[in-house]
Amino acid sequence: MKATLRHLGIAPRKVRLMAAVVKGMTVARAERELMSRTKRSAPILLKLLRSAIANARHNFHIENQNLKVKDLRIDAGPVTARFRARAFGRAAPIRRRTSHVSLILETVGDVAAPARGVRKAAPVAREATADDVRGSSLSGRGSGAQKRQPKKKSSGFMPRIFQRKAI
């Protein structure tokens, strides 16, 4: 279930602020969030979300309560360049940025099913052999020849910054 919007006249950086809020939410919660926000891109994303819901209902016969925002991608669209007159006969560039927005919905049931249904195989019980009891010489476990070295603890970010050489 997908909906796209191209050539939106808002910079991608500004639209991504709202996209980060909505991503991963259920459709009902995302609608409430977008309705309550005052950002300029919020009503546009709300309209796109409702379009994706309508696509899911019409094309796949899926109800709203089973949907969740899987991905909300905001890419840069074409940039219109203009120039503005400045002091001393100079010109300053004006870059009018646009965005391409794509919204992907997924069903909640598909997300939860693999996590619940997948189980690890039960360990196979076998009889203990003489090698298991005294420790196999081939594996090196019982001989104690290989000892684990303790992992070096990181001193943190700040000490590393102040230990650097001055250039």
Foldseek 3Di string as FASTA:
>chain_A
DKFKDWFAQDALVQLVVLQVVQAFAQLVVNLVVLVPDDRPCSVVVNVRSVVVQVCCCVVVVDHRRFKGWHDKDKDKDDWDWDWDADPPRDIDIDIRTTIMIMTDMDTNVVVVVVVVPDDDDDDDDDDDDPCNVQPPPVVVPNVPPDDDDDDDDDPDDVVVVVPDDDD
